[in-house]
């Protein structure tokens, strides 16, 4: 019989950066890079590597998508330089820690967890 996944998880406020660790309600933050090829005239220009922080929440069975884009504006969770990643990650980590005790509900429509009480307008 397949394992039943949770539809509601209480956020612990604990942040992990390795998905081999963590317990129910912990949030795993990871960096997603996006390549943006640019061409100036006839010569290709060095592509910039913007990126942004994404999140998953452990529901007791595995890591599931947490829709961070509905909770944190893109400009607060992204940067264009690798040297700024630490600051951006720390900023998002601080926000996540403030969600301690909030309930994340699974949304069939978006195939991931949402913190409806904290979502952006």
PDB file of N, CA and C in Angstrom:
ATOM      1  N   UNK A   1       0.844  -1.174   0.000  1.00  0.00           N
ATOM      2  CA  UNK A   1       0.000   0.000   0.000  1.00  0.00           C
ATOM      3  C   UNK A   1       0.894   1.243   0.000  1.00  0.00           C
ATOM      4  N   UNK A   2       0.591   2.234  -0.870  1.00  0.00           N
ATOM      5  CA  UNK A   2       1.425   3.438  -0.934  1.00  0.00           C
ATOM      6  C   UNK A   2       1.305   4.274   0.333  1.00  0.00           C
ATOM      7  N   UNK A   3       2.365   4.966   0.639  1.00  0.00           N
ATOM      8  CA  UNK A   3       2.406   5.837   1.814  1.00  0.00           C
ATOM      9  C   UNK A   3       1.532   7.064   1.575  1.00  0.00           C
ATOM     10  N   UNK A   4       0.741   7.399   2.560  1.00  0.00           N
ATOM     11  CA  UNK A   4      -0.130   8.566   2.461  1.00  0.00           C
ATOM     12  C   UNK A   4       0.665   9.801   2.842  1.00  0.00           C
ATOM     13  N   UNK A   5       0.640  10.801   1.979  1.00  0.00           N
ATOM     14  CA  UNK A   5       1.363  12.039   2.236  1.00  0.00           C
ATOM     15  C   UNK A   5       0.500  12.996   3.037  1.00  0.00           C
ATOM     16  N   UNK A   6       1.146  13.821   3.826  1.00  0.00           N
ATOM     17  CA  UNK A   6       0.449  14.829   4.624  1.00  0.00           C
ATOM     18  C   UNK A   6      -0.117  15.914   3.723  1.00  0.00           C
ATOM     19  N   UNK A   7      -1.243  16.462   4.117  1.00  0.00           N
ATOM     20  CA  UNK A   7      -1.813  17.592   3.391  1.00  0.00           C
ATOM     21  C   UNK A   7      -1.660  18.883   4.186  1.00  0.00           C
ATOM     22  N   UNK A   8      -1.244  18.765   5.453  1.00  0.00           N
ATOM     23  CA  UNK A   8      -1.000  19.933   6.297  1.00  0.00           C
ATOM     24  C   UNK A   8       0.247  19.664   7.140  1.00  0.00           C
ATOM     25  N   UNK A   9       1.154  20.640   7.125  1.00  0.00           N
ATOM     26  CA  UNK A   9       2.406  20.526   7.857  1.00  0.00           C
ATOM     27  C   UNK A   9       2.625  21.820   8.632  1.00  0.00           C
ATOM     28  N   UNK A  10       3.051  21.714   9.875  1.00  0.00           N
ATOM     29  CA  UNK A  10       3.381  22.895  10.666  1.00  0.00           C
ATOM     30  C   UNK A  10       4.855  23.230  10.453  1.00  0.00           C
ATOM     31  N   UNK A  11       5.121  24.453  10.054  1.00  0.00           N
ATOM     32  CA  UNK A  11       6.488  24.908   9.793  1.00  0.00           C
ATOM     33  C   UNK A  11       7.244  25.027  11.108  1.00  0.00           C
ATOM     34  N   UNK A  12       8.435  24.432  11.152  1.00  0.00           N
ATOM     35  CA  UNK A  12       9.255  24.482  12.369  1.00  0.00           C
ATOM     36  C   UNK A  12      10.092  25.754  12.448  1.00  0.00           C
ATOM     37  N   UNK A  13      10.327  26.378  11.294  1.00  0.00           N
ATOM     38  CA  UNK A  13      11.214  27.539  11.250  1.00  0.00           C
ATOM     39  C   UNK A  13      12.668  27.131  11.090  1.00  0.00           C
ATOM     40  N   UNK A  14      12.934  25.824  11.074  1.00  0.00           N
ATOM     41  CA  UNK A  14      14.289  25.312  10.904  1.00  0.00           C
ATOM     42  C   UNK A  14      14.609  25.236   9.413  1.00  0.00           C
ATOM     43  N   UNK A  15      15.760  25.776   9.017  1.00  0.00           N
ATOM     44  CA  UNK A  15      16.183  25.793   7.625  1.00  0.00           C
ATOM     45  C   UNK A  15      17.365  24.854   7.443  1.00  0.00           C
ATOM     46  N   UNK A  16      17.315  24.045   6.381  1.00  0.00           N
ATOM     47  CA  UNK A  16      18.432  23.163   6.044  1.00  0.00           C
ATOM     48  C   UNK A  16      18.887  23.481   4.626  1.00  0.00           C
ATOM     49  N   UNK A  17      20.146  23.170   4.347  1.00  0.00           N
ATOM     50  CA  UNK A  17      20.708  23.403   3.027  1.00  0.00           C
ATOM     51  C   UNK A  17      21.170  22.101   2.383  1.00  0.00           C
ATOM     52  N   UNK A  18      20.840  20.990   3.016  1.00  0.00           N
ATOM     53  CA  UNK A  18      21.167  19.658   2.506  1.00  0.00           C
ATOM     54  C   UNK A  18      19.921  18.804   2.684  1.00  0.00           C
ATOM     55  N   UNK A  19      19.380  18.279   1.594  1.00  0.00           N
ATOM     56  CA  UNK A  19      18.134  17.543   1.699  1.00  0.00           C
ATOM     57  C   UNK A  19      18.289  16.149   2.302  1.00  0.00           C
ATOM     58  N   UNK A  20      19.490  15.794   2.724  1.00  0.00           N
ATOM     59  CA  UNK A  20      19.694  14.540   3.446  1.00  0.00           C
ATOM     60  C   UNK A  20      19.388  14.703   4.934  1.00  0.00           C
ATOM     61  N   UNK A  21      19.151  15.919   5.354  1.00  0.00           N
ATOM     62  CA  UNK A  21      18.855  16.206   6.754  1.00  0.00           C
ATOM     63  C   UNK A  21      17.527  16.937   6.840  1.00  0.00           C
ATOM     64  N   UNK A  22      16.916  16.896   7.991  1.00  0.00           N
ATOM     65  CA  UNK A  22      15.678  17.634   8.193  1.00  0.00           C
ATOM     66  C   UNK A  22      14.568  16.742   8.700  1.00  0.00           C
ATOM     67  N   UNK A  23      13.625  17.358   9.363  1.00  0.00           N
ATOM     68  CA  UNK A  23      12.479  16.656   9.894  1.00  0.00           C
ATOM     69  C   UNK A  23      11.194  17.295   9.395  1.00  0.00           C
ATOM     70  N   UNK A  24      10.103  16.731   9.818  1.00  0.00           N
ATOM     71  CA  UNK A  24       8.793  17.194   9.383  1.00  0.00           C
ATOM     72  C   UNK A  24       8.611  18.687   9.706  1.00  0.00           C
ATOM     73  N   UNK A  25       8.307  19.470   8.687  1.00  0.00           N
ATOM     74  CA  UNK A  25       8.102  20.906   8.857  1.00  0.00           C
ATOM     75  C   UNK A  25       9.334  21.747   8.612  1.00  0.00           C
ATOM     76  N   UNK A  26      10.502  21.107   8.419  1.00  0.00           N
ATOM     77  CA  UNK A  26      11.725  21.850   8.104  1.00  0.00           C
ATOM     78  C   UNK A  26      11.686  22.289   6.644  1.00  0.00           C
ATOM     79  N   UNK A  27      12.379  23.381   6.361  1.00  0.00           N
ATOM     80  CA  UNK A  27      12.398  23.915   5.003  1.00  0.00           C
ATOM     81  C   UNK A  27      13.817  23.865   4.446  1.00  0.00           C
ATOM     82  N   UNK A  28      13.927  23.288   3.265  1.00  0.00           N
ATOM     83  CA  UNK A  28      15.185  23.146   2.542  1.00  0.00           C
ATOM     84  C   UNK A  28      15.266  24.270   1.510  1.00  0.00           C
ATOM     85  N   UNK A  29      16.290  25.107   1.620  1.00  0.00           N
ATOM     86  CA  UNK A  29      16.521  26.187   0.667  1.00  0.00           C
ATOM     87  C   UNK A  29      17.621  25.769  -0.295  1.00  0.00           C
ATOM     88  N   UNK A  30      17.398  26.033  -1.574  1.00  0.00           N
ATOM     89  CA  UNK A  30      18.407  25.720  -2.582  1.00  0.00           C
ATOM     90  C   UNK A  30      18.402  26.803  -3.645  1.00  0.00           C
ATOM     91  N   UNK A  31      19.495  26.858  -4.381  1.00  0.00           N
ATOM     92  CA  UNK A  31      19.696  27.905  -5.365  1.00  0.00           C
ATOM     93  C   UNK A  31      19.422  27.365  -6.759  1.00  0.00           C
ATOM     94  N   UNK A  32      18.643  28.090  -7.531  1.00  0.00           N
ATOM     95  CA  UNK A  32      18.379  27.726  -8.921  1.00  0.00           C
ATOM     96  C   UNK A  32      19.019  28.779  -9.815  1.00  0.00           C
ATOM     97  N   UNK A  33      19.904  28.320 -10.706  1.00  0.00           N
ATOM     98  CA  UNK A  33      20.556  29.224 -11.649  1.00  0.00           C
ATOM     99  C   UNK A  33      19.769  29.244 -12.946  1.00  0.00           C
ATOM    100  N   UNK A  34      19.751  30.406 -13.565  1.00  0.00           N
ATOM    101  CA  UNK A  34      19.062  30.563 -14.837  1.00  0.00           C
ATOM    102  C   UNK A  34      20.042  31.192 -15.812  1.00  0.00           C
ATOM    103  N   UNK A  35      20.333  30.500 -16.893  1.00  0.00           N
ATOM    104  CA  UNK A  35      21.238  31.043 -17.897  1.00  0.00           C
ATOM    105  C   UNK A  35      20.471  31.961 -18.823  1.00  0.00           C
ATOM    106  N   UNK A  36      21.014  33.141 -19.027  1.00  0.00           N
ATOM    107  CA  UNK A  36      20.401  34.110 -19.929  1.00  0.00           C
ATOM    108  C   UNK A  36      21.424  34.434 -21.013  1.00  0.00           C
ATOM    109  N   UNK A  37      21.319  33.780 -22.180  1.00  0.00           N
ATOM    110  CA  UNK A  37      22.269  34.102 -23.247  1.00  0.00           C
ATOM    111  C   UNK A  37      21.974  35.486 -23.815  1.00  0.00           C
ATOM    112  N   UNK A  38      23.009  36.228 -24.041  1.00  0.00           N
ATOM    113  CA  UNK A  38      22.843  37.566 -24.604  1.00  0.00           C
ATOM    114  C   UNK A  38      23.746  37.715 -25.816  1.00  0.00           C
ATOM    115  N   UNK A  39      23.294  38.471 -26.778  1.00  0.00           N
ATOM    116  CA  UNK A  39      24.080  38.729 -27.984  1.00  0.00           C
ATOM    117  C   UNK A  39      24.079  40.233 -28.211  1.00  0.00           C
ATOM    118  N   UNK A  40      25.273  40.762 -28.408  1.00  0.00           N
ATOM    119  CA  UNK A  40      25.415  42.191 -28.652  1.00  0.00           C
ATOM    120  C   UNK A  40      25.994  42.361 -30.051  1.00  0.00           C
ATOM    121  N   UNK A  41      25.186  42.863 -30.971  1.00  0.00           N
ATOM    122  CA  UNK A  41      25.640  42.975 -32.358  1.00  0.00           C
ATOM    123  C   UNK A  41      25.793  41.583 -32.945  1.00  0.00           C
ATOM    124  N   UNK A  42      26.941  41.323 -33.554  1.00  0.00           N
ATOM    125  CA  UNK A  42      27.218  40.003 -34.125  1.00  0.00           C
ATOM    126  C   UNK A  42      27.987  39.105 -33.164  1.00  0.00           C
ATOM    127  N   UNK A  43      28.538  39.700 -32.112  1.00  0.00           N
ATOM    128  CA  UNK A  43      29.370  38.925 -31.185  1.00  0.00           C
ATOM    129  C   UNK A  43      28.570  38.493 -29.961  1.00  0.00           C
ATOM    130  N   UNK A  44      28.673  37.215 -29.599  1.00  0.00           N
ATOM    131  CA  UNK A  44      27.997  36.781 -28.363  1.00  0.00           C
ATOM    132  C   UNK A  44      28.667  37.409 -27.148  1.00  0.00           C
ATOM    133  N   UNK A  45      27.890  37.817 -26.217  1.00  0.00           N
ATOM    134  CA  UNK A  45      28.368  38.419 -24.989  1.00  0.00           C
ATOM    135  C   UNK A  45      28.363  37.346 -23.908  1.00  0.00           C
ATOM    136  N   UNK A  46      29.244  37.490 -22.936  1.00  0.00           N
ATOM    137  CA  UNK A  46      29.298  36.528 -21.845  1.00  0.00           C
ATOM    138  C   UNK A  46      27.921  36.450 -21.161  1.00  0.00           C
ATOM    139  N   UNK A  47      27.339  35.247 -21.063  1.00  0.00           N
ATOM    140  CA  UNK A  47      26.017  35.147 -20.454  1.00  0.00           C
ATOM    141  C   UNK A  47      26.055  35.447 -18.962  1.00  0.00           C
ATOM    142  N   UNK A  48      25.035  36.148 -18.501  1.00  0.00           N
ATOM    143  CA  UNK A  48      24.917  36.431 -17.071  1.00  0.00           C
ATOM    144  C   UNK A  48      24.257  35.232 -16.415  1.00  0.00           C
ATOM    145  N   UNK A  49      24.536  35.019 -15.174  1.00  0.00           N
ATOM    146  CA  UNK A  49      23.994  33.883 -14.445  1.00  0.00           C
ATOM    147  C   UNK A  49      23.117  34.343 -13.290  1.00  0.00           C
ATOM    148  N   UNK A  50      21.962  34.897 -13.595  1.00  0.00           N
ATOM    149  CA  UNK A  50      21.091  35.245 -12.474  1.00  0.00           C
ATOM    150  C   UNK A  50      20.561  33.977 -11.828  1.00  0.00           C
ATOM    151  N   UNK A  51      20.135  34.096 -10.624  1.00  0.00           N
ATOM    152  CA  UNK A  51      19.578  32.943  -9.945  1.00  0.00           C
ATOM    153  C   UNK A  51      18.652  33.377  -8.842  1.00  0.00           C
ATOM    154  N   UNK A  52      17.958  32.411  -8.270  1.00  0.00           N
ATOM    155  CA  UNK A  52      17.020  32.721  -7.201  1.00  0.00           C
ATOM    156  C   UNK A  52      16.900  31.537  -6.255  1.00  0.00           C
ATOM    157  N   UNK A  53      16.449  31.828  -5.057  1.00  0.00           N
ATOM    158  CA  UNK A  53      16.289  30.824  -4.012  1.00  0.00           C
ATOM    159  C   UNK A  53      14.928  30.149  -4.181  1.00  0.00           C
ATOM    160  N   UNK A  54      14.925  28.829  -4.055  1.00  0.00           N
ATOM    161  CA  UNK A  54      13.700  28.031  -4.075  1.00  0.00           C
ATOM    162  C   UNK A  54      13.605  27.291  -2.744  1.00  0.00           C
ATOM    163  N   UNK A  55      12.439  26.719  -2.465  1.00  0.00           N
ATOM    164  CA  UNK A  55      12.256  26.038  -1.182  1.00  0.00           C
ATOM    165  C   UNK A  55      11.425  24.776  -1.336  1.00  0.00           C
ATOM    166  N   UNK A  56      11.716  23.838  -0.466  1.00  0.00           N
ATOM    167  CA  UNK A  56      10.935  22.616  -0.326  1.00  0.00           C
ATOM    168  C   UNK A  56      10.664  22.429   1.158  1.00  0.00           C
ATOM    169  N   UNK A  57       9.569  21.762   1.480  1.00  0.00           N
ATOM    170  CA  UNK A  57       9.216  21.494   2.871  1.00  0.00           C
ATOM    171  C   UNK A  57       9.108  19.990   3.047  1.00  0.00           C
ATOM    172  N   UNK A  58       9.599  19.502   4.181  1.00  0.00           N
ATOM    173  CA  UNK A  58       9.542  18.069   4.459  1.00  0.00           C
ATOM    174  C   UNK A  58       8.198  17.763   5.111  1.00  0.00           C
ATOM    175  N   UNK A  59       7.438  16.885   4.484  1.00  0.00           N
ATOM    176  CA  UNK A  59       6.095  16.589   4.976  1.00  0.00           C
ATOM    177  C   UNK A  59       6.017  15.302   5.799  1.00  0.00           C
ATOM    178  N   UNK A  60       7.169  14.744   6.135  1.00  0.00           N
ATOM    179  CA  UNK A  60       7.208  13.503   6.900  1.00  0.00           C
ATOM    180  C   UNK A  60       7.505  12.301   6.023  1.00  0.00           C
ATOM    181  N   UNK A  61       7.270  12.443   4.712  1.00  0.00           N
ATOM    182  CA  UNK A  61       7.541  11.369   3.760  1.00  0.00           C
ATOM    183  C   UNK A  61       8.638  11.743   2.771  1.00  0.00           C
ATOM    184  N   UNK A  62       8.748  13.017   2.483  1.00  0.00           N
ATOM    185  CA  UNK A  62       9.728  13.484   1.515  1.00  0.00           C
ATOM    186  C   UNK A  62       9.660  14.993   1.369  1.00  0.00           C
ATOM    187  N   UNK A  63      10.535  15.514   0.522  1.00  0.00           N
ATOM    188  CA  UNK A  63      10.584  16.955   0.274  1.00  0.00           C
ATOM    189  C   UNK A  63       9.589  17.314  -0.812  1.00  0.00           C
ATOM    190  N   UNK A  64       8.737  18.276  -0.529  1.00  0.00           N
ATOM    191  CA  UNK A  64       7.716  18.743  -1.476  1.00  0.00           C
ATOM    192  C   UNK A  64       7.933  20.227  -1.752  1.00  0.00           C
ATOM    193  N   UNK A  65       7.521  20.631  -2.924  1.00  0.00           N
ATOM    194  CA  UNK A  65       7.655  22.036  -3.316  1.00  0.00           C
ATOM    195  C   UNK A  65       6.904  22.953  -2.350  1.00  0.00           C
ATOM    196  N   UNK A  66       7.558  24.020  -1.940  1.00  0.00           N
ATOM    197  CA  UNK A  66       6.921  25.088  -1.175  1.00  0.00           C
ATOM    198  C   UNK A  66       6.942  26.300  -2.090  1.00  0.00           C
ATOM    199  N   UNK A  67       5.795  26.843  -2.387  1.00  0.00           N
ATOM    200  CA  UNK A  67       5.700  27.917  -3.367  1.00  0.00           C
ATOM    201  C   UNK A  67       6.208  29.232  -2.794  1.00  0.00           C
ATOM    202  N   UNK A  68       7.528  29.373  -2.820  1.00  0.00           N
ATOM    203  CA  UNK A  68       8.204  30.538  -2.258  1.00  0.00           C
ATOM    204  C   UNK A  68       7.868  31.814  -3.026  1.00  0.00           C
ATOM    205  N   UNK A  69       7.595  31.680  -4.315  1.00  0.00           N
ATOM    206  CA  UNK A  69       7.256  32.840  -5.131  1.00  0.00           C
ATOM    207  C   UNK A  69       5.964  33.520  -4.691  1.00  0.00           C
ATOM    208  N   UNK A  70       5.108  32.792  -3.989  1.00  0.00           N
ATOM    209  CA  UNK A  70       3.868  33.366  -3.469  1.00  0.00           C
ATOM    210  C   UNK A  70       4.086  34.033  -2.108  1.00  0.00           C
ATOM    211  N   UNK A  71       5.267  33.815  -1.527  1.00  0.00           N
ATOM    212  CA  UNK A  71       5.558  34.292  -0.172  1.00  0.00           C
ATOM    213  C   UNK A  71       6.600  35.405  -0.118  1.00  0.00           C
ATOM    214  N   UNK A  72       7.552  35.356  -1.025  1.00  0.00           N
ATOM    215  CA  UNK A  72       8.669  36.304  -1.023  1.00  0.00           C
ATOM    216  C   UNK A  72       8.796  36.894  -2.426  1.00  0.00           C
ATOM    217  N   UNK A  73       8.769  38.220  -2.560  1.00  0.00           N
ATOM    218  CA  UNK A  73       8.923  38.826  -3.890  1.00  0.00           C
ATOM    219  C   UNK A  73      10.234  38.375  -4.546  1.00  0.00           C
ATOM    220  N   UNK A  74      10.204  38.217  -5.853  1.00  0.00           N
ATOM    221  CA  UNK A  74      11.363  37.735  -6.608  1.00  0.00           C
ATOM    222  C   UNK A  74      12.607  38.568  -6.324  1.00  0.00           C
ATOM    223  N   UNK A  75      12.460  39.888  -6.252  1.00  0.00           N
ATOM    224  CA  UNK A  75      13.637  40.744  -6.048  1.00  0.00           C
ATOM    225  C   UNK A  75      14.303  40.523  -4.688  1.00  0.00           C
ATOM    226  N   UNK A  76      13.597  39.946  -3.715  1.00  0.00           N
ATOM    227  CA  UNK A  76      14.178  39.654  -2.410  1.00  0.00           C
ATOM    228  C   UNK A  76      14.840  38.284  -2.355  1.00  0.00           C
ATOM    229  N   UNK A  77      14.554  37.438  -3.331  1.00  0.00           N
ATOM    230  CA  UNK A  77      15.116  36.092  -3.319  1.00  0.00           C
ATOM    231  C   UNK A  77      15.981  35.786  -4.533  1.00  0.00           C
ATOM    232  N   UNK A  78      16.405  36.845  -5.227  1.00  0.00           N
ATOM    233  CA  UNK A  78      17.231  36.653  -6.415  1.00  0.00           C
ATOM    234  C   UNK A  78      18.410  37.616  -6.426  1.00  0.00           C
ATOM    235  N   UNK A  79      19.404  37.301  -7.263  1.00  0.00           N
ATOM    236  CA  UNK A  79      20.543  38.200  -7.477  1.00  0.00           C
ATOM    237  C   UNK A  79      21.244  37.818  -8.772  1.00  0.00           C
ATOM    238  N   UNK A  80      22.070  38.717  -9.265  1.00  0.00           N
ATOM    239  CA  UNK A  80      22.792  38.474 -10.512  1.00  0.00           C
ATOM    240  C   UNK A  80      24.239  38.051 -10.290  1.00  0.00           C
ATOM    241  N   UNK A  81      24.748  38.231  -9.092  1.00  0.00           N
ATOM    242  CA  UNK A  81      26.157  37.909  -8.823  1.00  0.00           C
ATOM    243  C   UNK A  81      26.278  36.810  -7.779  1.00  0.00           C
ATOM    244  N   UNK A  82      27.187  35.910  -8.025  1.00  0.00           N
ATOM    245  CA  UNK A  82      27.432  34.810  -7.097  1.00  0.00           C
ATOM    246  C   UNK A  82      27.841  35.335  -5.727  1.00  0.00           C
ATOM    247  N   UNK A  83      28.551  36.430  -5.698  1.00  0.00           N
ATOM    248  CA  UNK A  83      29.024  36.990  -4.426  1.00  0.00           C
ATOM    249  C   UNK A  83      27.889  37.489  -3.540  1.00  0.00           C
ATOM    250  N   UNK A  84      26.705  37.710  -4.105  1.00  0.00           N
ATOM    251  CA  UNK A  84      25.563  38.192  -3.323  1.00  0.00           C
ATOM    252  C   UNK A  84      24.662  37.070  -2.819  1.00  0.00           C
ATOM    253  N   UNK A  85      24.945  35.845  -3.214  1.00  0.00           N
ATOM    254  CA  UNK A  85      24.084  34.723  -2.832  1.00  0.00           C
ATOM    255  C   UNK A  85      23.952  34.545  -1.334  1.00  0.00           C
ATOM    256  N   UNK A  86      25.039  34.718  -0.613  1.00  0.00           N
ATOM    257  CA  UNK A  86      25.006  34.558   0.840  1.00  0.00           C
ATOM    258  C   UNK A  86      24.032  35.524   1.499  1.00  0.00           C
ATOM    259  N   UNK A  87      24.056  36.769   1.065  1.00  0.00           N
ATOM    260  CA  UNK A  87      23.155  37.780   1.624  1.00  0.00           C
ATOM    261  C   UNK A  87      21.700  37.445   1.309  1.00  0.00           C
ATOM    262  N   UNK A  88      21.453  37.037   0.072  1.00  0.00           N
ATOM    263  CA  UNK A  88      20.089  36.709  -0.345  1.00  0.00           C
ATOM    264  C   UNK A  88      19.585  35.493   0.434  1.00  0.00           C
ATOM    265  N   UNK A  89      20.411  34.477   0.547  1.00  0.00           N
ATOM    266  CA  UNK A  89      20.029  33.268   1.280  1.00  0.00           C
ATOM    267  C   UNK A  89      19.764  33.585   2.747  1.00  0.00           C
ATOM    268  N   UNK A  90      20.603  34.406   3.356  1.00  0.00           N
ATOM    269  CA  UNK A  90      20.388  34.795   4.752  1.00  0.00           C
ATOM    270  C   UNK A  90      19.077  35.555   4.929  1.00  0.00           C
ATOM    271  N   UNK A  91      18.761  36.423   3.961  1.00  0.00           N
ATOM    272  CA  UNK A  91      17.516  37.190   4.020  1.00  0.00           C
ATOM    273  C   UNK A  91      16.310  36.238   3.986  1.00  0.00           C
ATOM    274  N   UNK A  92      16.332  35.287   3.066  1.00  0.00           N
ATOM    275  CA  UNK A  92      15.214  34.337   2.950  1.00  0.00           C
ATOM    276  C   UNK A  92      15.158  33.429   4.179  1.00  0.00           C
ATOM    277  N   UNK A  93      16.317  33.023   4.678  1.00  0.00           N
ATOM    278  CA  UNK A  93      16.358  32.186   5.881  1.00  0.00           C
ATOM    279  C   UNK A  93      15.695  32.907   7.057  1.00  0.00           C
ATOM    280  N   UNK A  94      15.978  34.192   7.212  1.00  0.00           N
ATOM    281  CA  UNK A  94      15.357  34.974   8.280  1.00  0.00           C
ATOM    282  C   UNK A  94      13.849  35.031   8.147  1.00  0.00           C
ATOM    283  N   UNK A  95      13.362  35.150   6.913  1.00  0.00           N
ATOM    284  CA  UNK A  95      11.916  35.155   6.685  1.00  0.00           C
ATOM    285  C   UNK A  95      11.297  33.816   7.061  1.00  0.00           C
ATOM    286  N   UNK A  96      11.949  32.731   6.639  1.00  0.00           N
ATOM    287  CA  UNK A  96      11.452  31.382   6.933  1.00  0.00           C
ATOM    288  C   UNK A  96      11.387  31.148   8.435  1.00  0.00           C
ATOM    289  N   UNK A  97      12.385  31.584   9.162  1.00  0.00           N
ATOM    290  CA  UNK A  97      12.389  31.408  10.614  1.00  0.00           C
ATOM    291  C   UNK A  97      11.211  32.120  11.259  1.00  0.00           C
ATOM    292  N   UNK A  98      10.752  33.205  10.647  1.00  0.00           N
ATOM    293  CA  UNK A  98       9.592  33.938  11.145  1.00  0.00           C
ATOM    294  C   UNK A  98       8.267  33.225  10.898  1.00  0.00           C
ATOM    295  N   UNK A  99       8.276  32.183  10.096  1.00  0.00           N
ATOM    296  CA  UNK A  99       7.055  31.426   9.794  1.00  0.00           C
ATOM    297  C   UNK A  99       6.819  30.282  10.771  1.00  0.00           C
ATOM    298  N   UNK A 100       7.648  30.185  11.792  1.00  0.00           N
ATOM    299  CA  UNK A 100       7.526  29.105  12.766  1.00  0.00           C
ATOM    300  C   UNK A 100       6.098  29.047  13.328  1.00  0.00           C
ATOM    301  N   UNK A 101       5.532  27.842  13.324  1.00  0.00           N
ATOM    302  CA  UNK A 101       4.189  27.632  13.846  1.00  0.00           C
ATOM    303  C   UNK A 101       3.080  27.805  12.821  1.00  0.00           C
ATOM    304  N   UNK A 102       3.406  28.362  11.642  1.00  0.00           N
ATOM    305  CA  UNK A 102       2.403  28.526  10.577  1.00  0.00           C
ATOM    306  C   UNK A 102       2.087  27.156   9.962  1.00  0.00           C
ATOM    307  N   UNK A 103       0.894  27.016   9.436  1.00  0.00           N
ATOM    308  CA  UNK A 103       0.485  25.766   8.778  1.00  0.00           C
ATOM    309  C   UNK A 103       0.619  25.903   7.268  1.00  0.00           C
ATOM    310  N   UNK A 104       1.293  24.936   6.677  1.00  0.00           N
ATOM    311  CA  UNK A 104       1.410  24.859   5.224  1.00  0.00           C
ATOM    312  C   UNK A 104       0.437  23.789   4.746  1.00  0.00           C
ATOM    313  N   UNK A 105      -0.390  24.133   3.781  1.00  0.00           N
ATOM    314  CA  UNK A 105      -1.387  23.211   3.242  1.00  0.00           C
ATOM    315  C   UNK A 105      -1.020  22.816   1.822  1.00  0.00           C
ATOM    316  N   UNK A 106      -1.243  21.522   1.526  1.00  0.00           N
ATOM    317  CA  UNK A 106      -0.967  21.033   0.181  1.00  0.00           C
ATOM    318  C   UNK A 106      -2.071  21.495  -0.758  1.00  0.00           C
ATOM    319  N   UNK A 107      -1.683  22.006  -1.915  1.00  0.00           N
ATOM    320  CA  UNK A 107      -2.627  22.474  -2.924  1.00  0.00           C
ATOM    321  C   UNK A 107      -2.554  21.551  -4.131  1.00  0.00           C
ATOM    322  N   UNK A 108      -3.650  20.877  -4.422  1.00  0.00           N
ATOM    323  CA  UNK A 108      -3.710  20.007  -5.594  1.00  0.00           C
ATOM    324  C   UNK A 108      -3.504  20.810  -6.870  1.00  0.00           C
ATOM    325  N   UNK A 109      -4.046  22.026  -6.906  1.00  0.00           N
ATOM    326  CA  UNK A 109      -3.949  22.866  -8.105  1.00  0.00           C
ATOM    327  C   UNK A 109      -2.508  23.175  -8.483  1.00  0.00           C
ATOM    328  N   UNK A 110      -1.674  23.444  -7.487  1.00  0.00           N
ATOM    329  CA  UNK A 110      -0.290  23.832  -7.766  1.00  0.00           C
ATOM    330  C   UNK A 110       0.716  22.730  -7.452  1.00  0.00           C
ATOM    331  N   UNK A 111       0.244  21.571  -7.002  1.00  0.00           N
ATOM    332  CA  UNK A 111       1.103  20.423  -6.688  1.00  0.00           C
ATOM    333  C   UNK A 111       2.237  20.776  -5.736  1.00  0.00           C
ATOM    334  N   UNK A 112       1.910  21.499  -4.699  1.00  0.00           N
ATOM    335  CA  UNK A 112       2.904  21.876  -3.704  1.00  0.00           C
ATOM    336  C   UNK A 112       2.232  22.483  -2.493  1.00  0.00           C
ATOM    337  N   UNK A 113       3.052  22.827  -1.515  1.00  0.00           N
ATOM    338  CA  UNK A 113       2.536  23.420  -0.279  1.00  0.00           C
ATOM    339  C   UNK A 113       2.487  24.934  -0.384  1.00  0.00           C
ATOM    340  N   UNK A 114       1.491  25.505   0.288  1.00  0.00           N
ATOM    341  CA  UNK A 114       1.316  26.954   0.326  1.00  0.00           C
ATOM    342  C   UNK A 114       1.049  27.397   1.761  1.00  0.00           C
ATOM    343  N   UNK A 115       1.546  28.572   2.095  1.00  0.00           N
ATOM    344  CA  UNK A 115       1.242  29.208   3.384  1.00  0.00           C
ATOM    345  C   UNK A 115       0.245  30.325   3.084  1.00  0.00           C
ATOM    346  N   UNK A 116      -1.001  29.966   3.016  1.00  0.00           N
ATOM    347  CA  UNK A 116      -2.032  30.920   2.590  1.00  0.00           C
ATOM    348  C   UNK A 116      -2.058  32.187   3.430  1.00  0.00           C
ATOM    349  N   UNK A 117      -1.817  32.062   4.736  1.00  0.00           N
ATOM    350  CA  UNK A 117      -1.857  33.221   5.632  1.00  0.00           C
ATOM    351  C   UNK A 117      -0.724  34.212   5.346  1.00  0.00           C
ATOM    352  N   UNK A 118       0.343  33.767   4.707  1.00  0.00           N
ATOM    353  CA  UNK A 118       1.512  34.613   4.450  1.00  0.00           C
ATOM    354  C   UNK A 118       1.667  35.039   2.991  1.00  0.00           C
ATOM    355  N   UNK A 119       0.754  34.611   2.126  1.00  0.00           N
ATOM    356  CA  UNK A 119       0.918  34.881   0.702  1.00  0.00           C
ATOM    357  C   UNK A 119       0.811  36.367   0.379  1.00  0.00           C
ATOM    358  N   UNK A 120       1.547  36.748  -0.637  1.00  0.00           N
ATOM    359  CA  UNK A 120       1.543  38.130  -1.107  1.00  0.00           C
ATOM    360  C   UNK A 120       0.207  38.443  -1.761  1.00  0.00           C
ATOM    361  N   UNK A 121      -0.219  39.696  -1.716  1.00  0.00           N
ATOM    362  CA  UNK A 121      -1.491  40.067  -2.359  1.00  0.00           C
ATOM    363  C   UNK A 121      -1.410  39.974  -3.862  1.00  0.00           C
TER     364      UNK A 121
END
